N, C-alpha and C. Protein backbone atom coordinates (compact mmCIF):
# COMPACT_ATOMS: atom_id res chain seq x y z
N MET A 1 -74.65 -43.96 19.82
CA MET A 1 -73.26 -44.28 19.64
C MET A 1 -73.18 -45.67 19.05
N ILE A 2 -72.36 -45.81 18.01
CA ILE A 2 -72.13 -47.09 17.35
C ILE A 2 -70.63 -47.29 17.25
N GLN A 3 -70.15 -48.46 17.67
CA GLN A 3 -68.72 -48.75 17.58
C GLN A 3 -68.52 -50.11 16.94
N ASN A 4 -67.56 -50.17 16.02
CA ASN A 4 -67.09 -51.46 15.51
C ASN A 4 -65.58 -51.45 15.61
N SER A 5 -64.91 -52.39 15.01
CA SER A 5 -63.46 -52.49 15.17
C SER A 5 -62.70 -51.31 14.59
N ASP A 6 -63.26 -50.60 13.62
CA ASP A 6 -62.55 -49.52 12.94
C ASP A 6 -63.09 -48.12 13.21
N ASN A 7 -64.32 -48.00 13.68
CA ASN A 7 -64.96 -46.69 13.78
C ASN A 7 -65.77 -46.54 15.07
N LEU A 8 -65.87 -45.29 15.50
CA LEU A 8 -66.78 -44.91 16.57
C LEU A 8 -67.61 -43.76 16.02
N GLU A 9 -68.91 -43.91 16.07
CA GLU A 9 -69.82 -42.90 15.51
C GLU A 9 -70.74 -42.38 16.62
N LEU A 10 -70.77 -41.06 16.77
CA LEU A 10 -71.64 -40.41 17.75
C LEU A 10 -72.68 -39.58 17.01
N THR A 11 -73.92 -39.69 17.44
CA THR A 11 -75.00 -38.91 16.85
C THR A 11 -75.59 -38.03 17.93
N TRP A 12 -75.72 -36.74 17.63
CA TRP A 12 -76.28 -35.78 18.57
C TRP A 12 -77.78 -35.71 18.34
N GLU A 13 -78.53 -35.98 19.39
CA GLU A 13 -79.98 -35.87 19.32
C GLU A 13 -80.43 -34.89 20.37
N GLU A 14 -81.41 -34.06 20.02
CA GLU A 14 -81.95 -33.11 20.98
C GLU A 14 -83.44 -32.97 20.78
N GLN A 15 -84.11 -32.53 21.82
CA GLN A 15 -85.55 -32.33 21.77
C GLN A 15 -85.86 -30.96 22.33
N GLY A 16 -86.94 -30.39 21.85
CA GLY A 16 -87.35 -29.07 22.34
C GLY A 16 -86.68 -27.96 21.57
N ASN A 17 -87.14 -26.76 21.81
CA ASN A 17 -86.62 -25.58 21.12
C ASN A 17 -85.85 -24.73 22.13
N TYR A 18 -84.69 -25.24 22.56
CA TYR A 18 -83.89 -24.56 23.56
C TYR A 18 -82.58 -24.09 22.93
N ALA A 19 -82.15 -22.92 23.33
CA ALA A 19 -80.87 -22.38 22.84
C ALA A 19 -79.73 -23.18 23.46
N PHE A 20 -78.71 -23.48 22.66
CA PHE A 20 -77.53 -24.18 23.16
C PHE A 20 -76.66 -23.15 23.88
N PRO A 21 -76.37 -23.32 25.17
CA PRO A 21 -75.72 -22.26 25.95
C PRO A 21 -74.20 -22.18 25.84
N TYR A 22 -73.58 -23.05 25.06
CA TYR A 22 -72.12 -23.10 25.01
C TYR A 22 -71.60 -22.73 23.63
N GLU A 23 -70.34 -22.28 23.59
CA GLU A 23 -69.72 -21.94 22.30
C GLU A 23 -69.36 -23.18 21.52
N GLY A 24 -69.07 -24.26 22.20
CA GLY A 24 -68.68 -25.50 21.54
C GLY A 24 -68.66 -26.63 22.53
N VAL A 25 -68.20 -27.79 22.08
CA VAL A 25 -68.10 -28.97 22.93
C VAL A 25 -66.72 -29.60 22.76
N GLN A 26 -66.31 -30.35 23.76
CA GLN A 26 -65.09 -31.13 23.69
C GLN A 26 -65.46 -32.59 23.86
N LEU A 27 -65.03 -33.41 22.93
CA LEU A 27 -65.24 -34.85 23.00
C LEU A 27 -63.92 -35.50 23.40
N HIS A 28 -63.91 -36.19 24.53
CA HIS A 28 -62.71 -36.85 25.05
C HIS A 28 -62.82 -38.34 24.84
N LEU A 29 -61.83 -38.95 24.21
CA LEU A 29 -61.80 -40.40 24.03
C LEU A 29 -60.99 -41.02 25.16
N HIS A 30 -61.56 -42.03 25.80
CA HIS A 30 -60.88 -42.76 26.86
C HIS A 30 -60.89 -44.24 26.50
N GLY A 31 -59.74 -44.89 26.66
CA GLY A 31 -59.67 -46.32 26.41
C GLY A 31 -59.58 -46.70 24.95
N MET A 32 -59.42 -45.73 24.08
CA MET A 32 -59.26 -46.00 22.65
C MET A 32 -58.49 -44.84 22.04
N ALA A 33 -57.98 -45.04 20.85
CA ALA A 33 -57.24 -44.01 20.14
C ALA A 33 -57.78 -43.89 18.73
N ALA A 34 -57.78 -42.68 18.22
CA ALA A 34 -58.28 -42.43 16.87
C ALA A 34 -57.21 -41.73 16.05
N GLU A 35 -57.22 -42.01 14.75
CA GLU A 35 -56.25 -41.38 13.86
C GLU A 35 -56.88 -40.32 12.97
N GLN A 36 -58.20 -40.35 12.80
CA GLN A 36 -58.90 -39.38 11.98
C GLN A 36 -60.27 -39.13 12.58
N ALA A 37 -60.82 -37.93 12.25
CA ALA A 37 -62.18 -37.61 12.72
C ALA A 37 -62.90 -36.81 11.65
N TRP A 38 -64.22 -37.01 11.59
CA TRP A 38 -65.09 -36.28 10.68
C TRP A 38 -66.25 -35.70 11.48
N VAL A 39 -66.60 -34.47 11.23
CA VAL A 39 -67.76 -33.84 11.84
C VAL A 39 -68.73 -33.53 10.71
N ASP A 40 -69.90 -34.12 10.76
CA ASP A 40 -70.92 -33.95 9.73
C ASP A 40 -70.36 -34.20 8.33
N GLY A 41 -69.52 -35.24 8.22
CA GLY A 41 -68.99 -35.66 6.92
C GLY A 41 -67.74 -34.93 6.46
N THR A 42 -67.30 -33.92 7.20
CA THR A 42 -66.11 -33.15 6.83
C THR A 42 -64.95 -33.54 7.73
N GLU A 43 -63.83 -33.92 7.12
CA GLU A 43 -62.65 -34.28 7.91
C GLU A 43 -62.16 -33.06 8.68
N VAL A 44 -61.82 -33.27 9.95
CA VAL A 44 -61.35 -32.18 10.80
C VAL A 44 -60.00 -32.53 11.37
N ASN A 45 -59.29 -31.51 11.84
CA ASN A 45 -57.99 -31.70 12.46
C ASN A 45 -58.19 -32.36 13.82
N TYR A 46 -57.61 -33.51 14.01
CA TYR A 46 -57.76 -34.24 15.27
C TYR A 46 -56.39 -34.75 15.69
N GLN A 47 -55.99 -34.34 16.89
CA GLN A 47 -54.72 -34.82 17.44
C GLN A 47 -54.93 -35.08 18.92
N GLY A 48 -54.36 -36.13 19.40
CA GLY A 48 -54.51 -36.46 20.81
C GLY A 48 -55.79 -37.20 21.08
N LYS A 49 -56.43 -36.89 22.22
CA LYS A 49 -57.65 -37.60 22.61
C LYS A 49 -58.82 -36.66 22.80
N VAL A 50 -58.71 -35.41 22.35
CA VAL A 50 -59.79 -34.44 22.53
C VAL A 50 -60.13 -33.80 21.19
N LEU A 51 -61.40 -33.81 20.85
CA LEU A 51 -61.88 -33.14 19.65
C LEU A 51 -62.73 -31.96 20.10
N GLU A 52 -62.36 -30.76 19.69
CA GLU A 52 -63.15 -29.57 19.97
C GLU A 52 -63.94 -29.21 18.73
N CYS A 53 -65.25 -29.03 18.90
CA CYS A 53 -66.10 -28.71 17.76
C CYS A 53 -67.34 -27.97 18.23
N ASN A 54 -68.11 -27.53 17.27
CA ASN A 54 -69.40 -26.91 17.55
C ASN A 54 -70.47 -28.00 17.57
N ARG A 55 -71.71 -27.60 17.69
CA ARG A 55 -72.79 -28.57 17.63
C ARG A 55 -72.69 -29.36 16.33
N PHE A 56 -73.11 -30.59 16.36
CA PHE A 56 -72.98 -31.47 15.20
C PHE A 56 -74.17 -32.40 15.13
N GLN A 57 -74.34 -33.01 13.99
CA GLN A 57 -75.32 -34.09 13.85
C GLN A 57 -74.64 -35.44 14.03
N GLN A 58 -73.41 -35.56 13.48
CA GLN A 58 -72.68 -36.82 13.56
C GLN A 58 -71.18 -36.55 13.63
N VAL A 59 -70.51 -37.28 14.50
CA VAL A 59 -69.04 -37.30 14.56
C VAL A 59 -68.62 -38.74 14.40
N ARG A 60 -67.60 -38.94 13.56
CA ARG A 60 -67.07 -40.29 13.35
C ARG A 60 -65.57 -40.27 13.55
N PHE A 61 -65.07 -41.21 14.31
CA PHE A 61 -63.64 -41.39 14.53
C PHE A 61 -63.19 -42.68 13.87
N ARG A 62 -62.05 -42.64 13.20
CA ARG A 62 -61.42 -43.88 12.71
C ARG A 62 -60.46 -44.32 13.80
N LEU A 63 -60.69 -45.50 14.35
CA LEU A 63 -59.93 -46.01 15.48
C LEU A 63 -58.75 -46.85 15.03
N PHE A 64 -57.75 -46.92 15.91
CA PHE A 64 -56.67 -47.89 15.71
C PHE A 64 -56.34 -48.49 17.06
N GLU A 65 -55.81 -49.68 17.03
CA GLU A 65 -55.52 -50.40 18.27
C GLU A 65 -54.28 -49.83 18.94
N THR A 66 -54.33 -49.82 20.27
CA THR A 66 -53.18 -49.41 21.06
C THR A 66 -52.84 -50.54 22.02
N ASN A 67 -51.70 -50.46 22.61
CA ASN A 67 -51.27 -51.48 23.57
C ASN A 67 -51.48 -51.01 25.00
N GLN A 68 -52.57 -50.31 25.26
CA GLN A 68 -52.83 -49.81 26.62
C GLN A 68 -53.37 -50.89 27.49
């Protein structure tokens, strides 16, 4: 995970040859807000604080400041 003032980047790393047992994943943002998201370089529909997606190599959020 890498964060700077404008972006949060998550990289999925795995080891071994194991089947992924779930249909997808939910990424919940706490303590920050994002206005855009990209999964493996493709912009995706993102609203609220939860991103639902399949397995990925990289997810990037464009952050904006909130008054929380």
